[in-house]
Every structure is written in structure tokens, then in C-alpha cells.
């Protein structure tokens, strides 16, 4: 598998071409998932919970 930092550089470049820029927080999330600390599904759930408005 490619080095995690190389993958992040490639994702950063691809996102920038589309006018979207990754914050350091986003890059850290990618590192956590690629190092198998958390699954992508679990990280997605955390992000959704963080940004869900509770009434």
C-alpha cells in the first residue's frame, strides 16, 4: 500500500482541482482511517453526528 502521506497529498491535489480544500482536521481523519484505527463507516458516523442539529 502507498504511504499514508502520499495518499493524503494525492487526495489534497485532486480536491484542490475541484476547488475544495482539505483542512488539517480532514487530513487527520484520513490518517486515522488509513492506519486502521477507525473504519471509514465509523468515521462517517462520527462526522454526521458532529454536524447533526438536535432539536
N, C-alpha and C. Protein backbone atom coordinates (compact mmCIF):
# COMPACT_ATOMS: atom_id res chain seq x y z
N UNK A 1 0.85 -1.20 0.00
CA UNK A 1 0.00 0.00 0.00
C UNK A 1 0.88 1.24 0.00
N UNK A 2 0.38 2.27 -0.62
CA UNK A 2 1.12 3.54 -0.66
C UNK A 2 1.27 4.10 0.74
N UNK A 3 2.27 4.93 0.89
CA UNK A 3 2.48 5.64 2.15
C UNK A 3 1.27 6.55 2.41
N UNK A 4 0.85 6.60 3.65
CA UNK A 4 -0.33 7.39 4.03
C UNK A 4 -0.17 8.85 3.62
N UNK A 5 1.00 9.42 3.84
CA UNK A 5 1.20 10.84 3.50
C UNK A 5 1.12 11.05 1.99
N UNK A 6 1.56 10.08 1.21
CA UNK A 6 1.45 10.19 -0.25
C UNK A 6 -0.01 10.17 -0.68
N UNK A 7 -0.79 9.31 -0.06
CA UNK A 7 -2.22 9.25 -0.37
C UNK A 7 -2.88 10.59 -0.03
N UNK A 8 -2.53 11.15 1.11
CA UNK A 8 -3.10 12.44 1.52
C UNK A 8 -2.73 13.53 0.52
N UNK A 9 -1.48 13.53 0.05
CA UNK A 9 -1.06 14.52 -0.96
C UNK A 9 -1.89 14.37 -2.23
N UNK A 10 -2.11 13.13 -2.65
CA UNK A 10 -2.88 12.90 -3.87
C UNK A 10 -4.34 13.34 -3.70
N UNK A 11 -4.92 13.03 -2.57
CA UNK A 11 -6.30 13.46 -2.29
C UNK A 11 -6.37 14.98 -2.22
N UNK A 12 -5.41 15.59 -1.56
CA UNK A 12 -5.36 17.06 -1.46
C UNK A 12 -5.30 17.70 -2.84
N UNK A 13 -4.46 17.16 -3.71
CA UNK A 13 -4.34 17.69 -5.07
C UNK A 13 -5.62 17.53 -5.87
N UNK A 14 -6.22 16.36 -5.77
CA UNK A 14 -7.46 16.09 -6.51
C UNK A 14 -8.58 17.01 -6.02
N UNK A 15 -8.69 17.15 -4.72
CA UNK A 15 -9.74 18.03 -4.17
C UNK A 15 -9.50 19.48 -4.59
N UNK A 16 -8.24 19.92 -4.58
CA UNK A 16 -7.92 21.30 -4.96
C UNK A 16 -8.30 21.57 -6.41
N UNK A 17 -8.13 20.58 -7.29
CA UNK A 17 -8.51 20.76 -8.70
C UNK A 17 -10.01 21.01 -8.83
N UNK A 18 -10.78 20.50 -7.88
CA UNK A 18 -12.22 20.69 -7.88
C UNK A 18 -12.65 21.92 -7.07
N UNK A 19 -11.66 22.67 -6.58
CA UNK A 19 -11.97 23.88 -5.82
C UNK A 19 -12.30 23.63 -4.36
N UNK A 20 -12.01 22.43 -3.89
CA UNK A 20 -12.28 22.09 -2.49
C UNK A 20 -10.94 21.85 -1.80
N UNK A 21 -10.79 22.42 -0.64
CA UNK A 21 -9.51 22.32 0.06
C UNK A 21 -9.68 21.59 1.38
N UNK A 22 -8.75 20.67 1.65
CA UNK A 22 -8.80 19.91 2.89
C UNK A 22 -8.19 20.71 4.02
N UNK A 23 -8.85 20.69 5.14
CA UNK A 23 -8.29 21.29 6.34
C UNK A 23 -7.41 20.25 7.02
N UNK A 24 -6.60 20.67 7.95
CA UNK A 24 -5.74 19.74 8.67
C UNK A 24 -6.58 18.70 9.40
N UNK A 25 -7.74 19.09 9.89
CA UNK A 25 -8.66 18.17 10.56
C UNK A 25 -9.10 17.05 9.60
N UNK A 26 -9.35 17.41 8.35
CA UNK A 26 -9.74 16.42 7.35
C UNK A 26 -8.60 15.44 7.08
N UNK A 27 -7.40 15.99 6.97
CA UNK A 27 -6.23 15.14 6.72
C UNK A 27 -5.99 14.19 7.89
N UNK A 28 -6.22 14.66 9.10
CA UNK A 28 -6.05 13.81 10.27
C UNK A 28 -7.07 12.67 10.26
N UNK A 29 -8.28 12.96 9.86
CA UNK A 29 -9.31 11.91 9.75
C UNK A 29 -8.88 10.84 8.75
N UNK A 30 -8.31 11.26 7.64
CA UNK A 30 -7.83 10.31 6.64
C UNK A 30 -6.73 9.45 7.24
N UNK A 31 -5.79 10.07 7.96
CA UNK A 31 -4.70 9.31 8.59
C UNK A 31 -5.25 8.25 9.54
N UNK A 32 -6.23 8.63 10.35
CA UNK A 32 -6.81 7.70 11.33
C UNK A 32 -7.45 6.51 10.62
N UNK A 33 -8.18 6.78 9.55
CA UNK A 33 -8.84 5.69 8.82
C UNK A 33 -7.83 4.80 8.10
N UNK A 34 -6.84 5.40 7.46
CA UNK A 34 -5.87 4.61 6.71
C UNK A 34 -4.95 3.80 7.62
N UNK A 35 -4.82 4.21 8.85
CA UNK A 35 -3.97 3.45 9.79
C UNK A 35 -4.80 2.42 10.55
N UNK A 36 -6.05 2.22 10.12
CA UNK A 36 -6.95 1.21 10.70
C UNK A 36 -7.28 1.43 12.17
N UNK A 37 -7.21 2.67 12.62
CA UNK A 37 -7.62 2.98 13.98
C UNK A 37 -9.15 3.03 14.06
N UNK A 38 -9.77 3.46 12.97
CA UNK A 38 -11.23 3.60 12.88
C UNK A 38 -11.62 3.24 11.44
N UNK A 39 -12.75 2.59 11.27
CA UNK A 39 -13.22 2.29 9.92
C UNK A 39 -13.78 3.56 9.27
N UNK A 40 -13.84 3.54 7.95
CA UNK A 40 -14.42 4.69 7.25
C UNK A 40 -15.89 4.86 7.63
N UNK A 41 -16.61 3.75 7.80
CA UNK A 41 -18.02 3.85 8.20
C UNK A 41 -18.16 4.49 9.58
N UNK A 42 -17.30 4.12 10.51
CA UNK A 42 -17.34 4.71 11.85
C UNK A 42 -17.01 6.20 11.80
N UNK A 43 -16.00 6.57 11.00
CA UNK A 43 -15.63 7.98 10.88
C UNK A 43 -16.78 8.77 10.26
N UNK A 44 -17.42 8.20 9.25
CA UNK A 44 -18.57 8.87 8.62
C UNK A 44 -19.67 9.09 9.65
N UNK A 45 -19.93 8.09 10.47
CA UNK A 45 -20.95 8.21 11.52
C UNK A 45 -20.59 9.34 12.50
N UNK A 46 -19.32 9.42 12.87
CA UNK A 46 -18.89 10.48 13.79
C UNK A 46 -19.08 11.87 13.18
N UNK A 47 -18.75 12.00 11.92
CA UNK A 47 -18.88 13.31 11.25
C UNK A 47 -20.35 13.70 11.15
N UNK A 48 -21.21 12.75 10.80
CA UNK A 48 -22.65 13.03 10.71
C UNK A 48 -23.19 13.44 12.08
N UNK A 49 -22.80 12.72 13.13
CA UNK A 49 -23.25 13.08 14.48
C UNK A 49 -22.78 14.47 14.87
N UNK A 50 -21.55 14.80 14.52
CA UNK A 50 -20.98 16.11 14.86
C UNK A 50 -21.77 17.25 14.22
N UNK A 51 -22.25 17.01 13.00
CA UNK A 51 -22.89 18.09 12.25
C UNK A 51 -24.42 18.00 12.21
N UNK A 52 -24.99 17.08 12.99
CA UNK A 52 -26.43 16.95 13.05
C UNK A 52 -26.99 17.89 14.12
N UNK A 53 -27.99 18.65 13.72
CA UNK A 53 -28.62 19.59 14.65
C UNK A 53 -29.66 18.81 15.45
N UNK A 54 -29.55 18.90 16.75
CA UNK A 54 -30.51 18.23 17.61
C UNK A 54 -31.54 19.24 18.08
N UNK A 55 -32.79 18.86 18.00
CA UNK A 55 -33.87 19.78 18.38
C UNK A 55 -34.41 19.40 19.75
